[in-house]
Amino acid sequence: MERDAQFVEEVVKMLVDNPDDVKVDRKVDEMGVLISLDVNQEDMGMVIGREGSTAKALRTLLRVVGARNNARVNLKINEPEGSDRPARKERGEEREEGEKKTLDEVVGDIQI
């Protein structure tokens, strides 16, 4: 396993309650390196973090690791089988009162 994938695996195993369920897959193509991460369904919150902060930090660190090796490294966190997270609403669908907009919706609302 390459150092970038090994880095992700070690960090994520320290974060989660079920380290034996952590699986990392590394693929290289013309776009760069794609690291796919699978974790136990119960650990998704720990990996994503509040408002995505942990996942964002992992991706930032991977960019640094990639830059040191002259490679573009991306992280994909796979949603576990049987997840009961509600599906994302499509653009234009009605939103319940008090429900926040997604980043895509906010960016789409910006007029240049």
C-alpha atoms as a PDB file:
ATOM      1  CA  MET A   1       0.000   0.000   0.000  1.00  0.00           C
ATOM      2  CA  GLU A   2       1.305   3.446  -0.892  1.00  0.00           C
ATOM      3  CA  ARG A   3       2.089   5.986   1.797  1.00  0.00           C
ATOM      4  CA  ASP A   4      -0.961   8.185   1.092  1.00  0.00           C
ATOM      5  CA  ALA A   5      -3.420   5.314   1.490  1.00  0.00           C
ATOM      6  CA  GLN A   6      -1.549   4.018   4.527  1.00  0.00           C
ATOM      7  CA  PHE A   7      -1.738   7.509   6.056  1.00  0.00           C
ATOM      8  CA  VAL A   8      -5.523   7.639   5.604  1.00  0.00           C
ATOM      9  CA  GLU A   9      -5.973   4.161   7.020  1.00  0.00           C
ATOM     10  CA  GLU A  10      -3.897   4.868  10.139  1.00  0.00           C
ATOM     11  CA  VAL A  11      -5.564   8.215  10.873  1.00  0.00           C
ATOM     12  CA  VAL A  12      -9.102   6.910  10.355  1.00  0.00           C
ATOM     13  CA  LYS A  13      -8.455   3.816  12.484  1.00  0.00           C
ATOM     14  CA  MET A  14      -7.493   6.143  15.351  1.00  0.00           C
ATOM     15  CA  LEU A  15     -10.753   8.084  14.971  1.00  0.00           C
ATOM     16  CA  VAL A  16     -13.330   5.293  14.792  1.00  0.00           C
ATOM     17  CA  ASP A  17     -14.792   2.807  17.269  1.00  0.00           C
ATOM     18  CA  ASN A  18     -14.566  -0.100  14.787  1.00  0.00           C
ATOM     19  CA  PRO A  19     -11.022   0.067  13.349  1.00  0.00           C
ATOM     20  CA  ASP A  20     -11.220  -3.470  11.942  1.00  0.00           C
ATOM     21  CA  ASP A  21     -13.980  -2.303   9.553  1.00  0.00           C
ATOM     22  CA  VAL A  22     -11.814   0.418   7.968  1.00  0.00           C
ATOM     23  CA  LYS A  23     -10.961  -0.415   4.364  1.00  0.00           C
ATOM     24  CA  VAL A  24      -8.898   1.764   2.045  1.00  0.00           C
ATOM     25  CA  ASP A  25      -8.611   1.299  -1.712  1.00  0.00           C
ATOM     26  CA  ARG A  26      -6.165   3.237  -3.908  1.00  0.00           C
ATOM     27  CA  LYS A  27      -6.557   3.771  -7.652  1.00  0.00           C
ATOM     28  CA  VAL A  28      -4.339   5.768  -9.993  1.00  0.00           C
ATOM     29  CA  ASP A  29      -5.489   7.197 -13.325  1.00  0.00           C
ATOM     30  CA  GLU A  30      -4.762  10.196 -15.542  1.00  0.00           C
ATOM     31  CA  MET A  31      -6.554  12.505 -13.066  1.00  0.00           C
ATOM     32  CA  GLY A  32      -4.330  11.476 -10.149  1.00  0.00           C
ATOM     33  CA  VAL A  33      -4.807   9.238  -7.144  1.00  0.00           C
ATOM     34  CA  LEU A  34      -8.240   8.342  -5.764  1.00  0.00           C
ATOM     35  CA  ILE A  35      -8.389   6.897  -2.276  1.00  0.00           C
ATOM     36  CA  SER A  36     -11.734   5.286  -1.422  1.00  0.00           C
ATOM     37  CA  LEU A  37     -12.587   4.857   2.242  1.00  0.00           C
ATOM     38  CA  ASP A  38     -15.111   2.428   3.712  1.00  0.00           C
ATOM     39  CA  VAL A  39     -15.990   2.472   7.418  1.00  0.00           C
ATOM     40  CA  ASN A  40     -18.602   0.941   9.680  1.00  0.00           C
ATOM     41  CA  GLN A  41     -21.968   2.695   9.438  1.00  0.00           C
ATOM     42  CA  GLU A  42     -21.756   3.656  13.123  1.00  0.00           C
ATOM     43  CA  ASP A  43     -18.446   5.467  12.506  1.00  0.00           C
ATOM     44  CA  MET A  44     -19.535   7.706   9.619  1.00  0.00           C
ATOM     45  CA  GLY A  45     -20.184  10.646  11.932  1.00  0.00           C
ATOM     46  CA  MET A  46     -16.669  10.432  13.347  1.00  0.00           C
ATOM     47  CA  VAL A  47     -15.107  10.355   9.881  1.00  0.00           C
ATOM     48  CA  ILE A  48     -17.225  13.179   8.457  1.00  0.00           C
ATOM     49  CA  GLY A  49     -17.156  15.366  11.579  1.00  0.00           C
ATOM     50  CA  ARG A  50     -19.343  18.296  12.469  1.00  0.00           C
ATOM     51  CA  GLU A  51     -20.320  20.051   9.235  1.00  0.00           C
ATOM     52  CA  GLY A  52     -17.742  17.937   7.391  1.00  0.00           C
ATOM     53  CA  SER A  53     -14.765  19.356   9.280  1.00  0.00           C
ATOM     54  CA  THR A  54     -12.940  16.052   9.816  1.00  0.00           C
ATOM     55  CA  ALA A  55     -13.362  14.950   6.189  1.00  0.00           C
ATOM     56  CA  LYS A  56     -12.203  18.370   5.012  1.00  0.00           C
ATOM     57  CA  ALA A  57      -9.114  18.170   7.252  1.00  0.00           C
ATOM     58  CA  LEU A  58      -8.301  14.684   5.925  1.00  0.00           C
ATOM     59  CA  ARG A  59      -8.564  15.943   2.350  1.00  0.00           C
ATOM     60  CA  THR A  60      -6.332  18.928   3.134  1.00  0.00           C
ATOM     61  CA  LEU A  61      -3.676  16.686   4.654  1.00  0.00           C
ATOM     62  CA  LEU A  62      -3.898  14.385   1.629  1.00  0.00           C
ATOM     63  CA  ARG A  63      -3.279  17.330  -0.681  1.00  0.00           C
ATOM     64  CA  VAL A  64      -0.100  18.066   1.283  1.00  0.00           C
ATOM     65  CA  VAL A  65       0.999  14.420   1.089  1.00  0.00           C
ATOM     66  CA  GLY A  66       0.245  14.421  -2.637  1.00  0.00           C
ATOM     67  CA  ALA A  67       2.115  17.663  -3.233  1.00  0.00           C
ATOM     68  CA  ARG A  68       5.216  16.198  -1.633  1.00  0.00           C
ATOM     69  CA  ASN A  69       4.997  13.331  -4.131  1.00  0.00           C
ATOM     70  CA  ASN A  70       3.966  15.467  -7.120  1.00  0.00           C
ATOM     71  CA  ALA A  71       0.553  13.793  -7.281  1.00  0.00           C
ATOM     72  CA  ARG A  72      -3.038  14.944  -7.026  1.00  0.00           C
ATOM     73  CA  VAL A  73      -4.708  12.906  -4.280  1.00  0.00           C
ATOM     74  CA  ASN A  74      -8.480  12.825  -3.711  1.00  0.00           C
ATOM     75  CA  LEU A  75     -10.478  11.114  -0.969  1.00  0.00           C
ATOM     76  CA  LYS A  76     -13.856   9.492  -1.549  1.00  0.00           C
ATOM     77  CA  ILE A  77     -15.782   8.389   1.536  1.00  0.00           C
ATOM     78  CA  ASN A  78     -18.198   5.638   0.552  1.00  0.00           C
ATOM     79  CA  GLU A  79     -21.578   5.555   2.236  1.00  0.00           C
ATOM     80  CA  PRO A  80     -22.074   2.210   4.024  1.00  0.00           C
ATOM     81  CA  GLU A  81     -24.592  -0.349   2.838  1.00  0.00           C
ATOM     82  CA  GLY A  82     -27.963  -0.014   4.556  1.00  0.00           C
ATOM     83  CA  SER A  83     -27.441   3.622   5.501  1.00  0.00           C
ATOM     84  CA  ASP A  84     -30.632   5.290   6.673  1.00  0.00           C
ATOM     85  CA  ARG A  85     -29.496   8.825   5.856  1.00  0.00           C
ATOM     86  CA  PRO A  86     -32.243  10.626   3.925  1.00  0.00           C
ATOM     87  CA  ALA A  87     -31.567  11.247   0.260  1.00  0.00           C
ATOM     88  CA  ARG A  88     -30.459  14.747  -0.718  1.00  0.00           C
ATOM     89  CA  LYS A  89     -33.177  16.926  -2.139  1.00  0.00           C
ATOM     90  CA  GLU A  90     -32.840  17.857  -5.775  1.00  0.00           C
ATOM     91  CA  ARG A  91     -32.440  21.512  -6.646  1.00  0.00           C
ATOM     92  CA  GLY A  92     -35.774  23.292  -6.650  1.00  0.00           C
ATOM     93  CA  GLU A  93     -37.550  20.846  -4.307  1.00  0.00           C
ATOM     94  CA  GLU A  94     -39.408  22.380  -1.395  1.00  0.00           C
ATOM     95  CA  ARG A  95     -37.491  22.583   1.848  1.00  0.00           C
ATOM     96  CA  GLU A  96     -38.972  22.336   5.336  1.00  0.00           C
ATOM     97  CA  GLU A  97     -38.969  25.477   7.447  1.00  0.00           C
ATOM     98  CA  GLY A  98     -35.610  26.022   9.145  1.00  0.00           C
ATOM     99  CA  GLU A  99     -33.802  23.491   6.918  1.00  0.00           C
ATOM    100  CA  LYS A 100     -30.447  24.780   5.721  1.00  0.00           C
ATOM    101  CA  LYS A 101     -29.386  25.016   2.081  1.00  0.00           C
ATOM    102  CA  THR A 102     -26.617  22.817   0.729  1.00  0.00           C
ATOM    103  CA  LEU A 103     -23.378  24.404  -0.475  1.00  0.00           C
ATOM    104  CA  ASP A 104     -24.389  23.658  -4.077  1.00  0.00           C
ATOM    105  CA  GLU A 105     -27.667  25.498  -3.566  1.00  0.00           C
ATOM    106  CA  VAL A 106     -25.960  28.532  -2.042  1.00  0.00           C
ATOM    107  CA  VAL A 107     -23.404  28.701  -4.866  1.00  0.00           C
ATOM    108  CA  GLY A 108     -26.189  28.264  -7.430  1.00  0.00           C
ATOM    109  CA  ASP A 109     -28.082  31.218  -5.907  1.00  0.00           C
ATOM    110  CA  ILE A 110     -25.128  33.578  -6.322  1.00  0.00           C
ATOM    111  CA  GLN A 111     -25.614  35.882  -9.276  1.00  0.00           C
ATOM    112  CA  ILE A 112     -22.539  37.261 -10.991  1.00  0.00           C
END
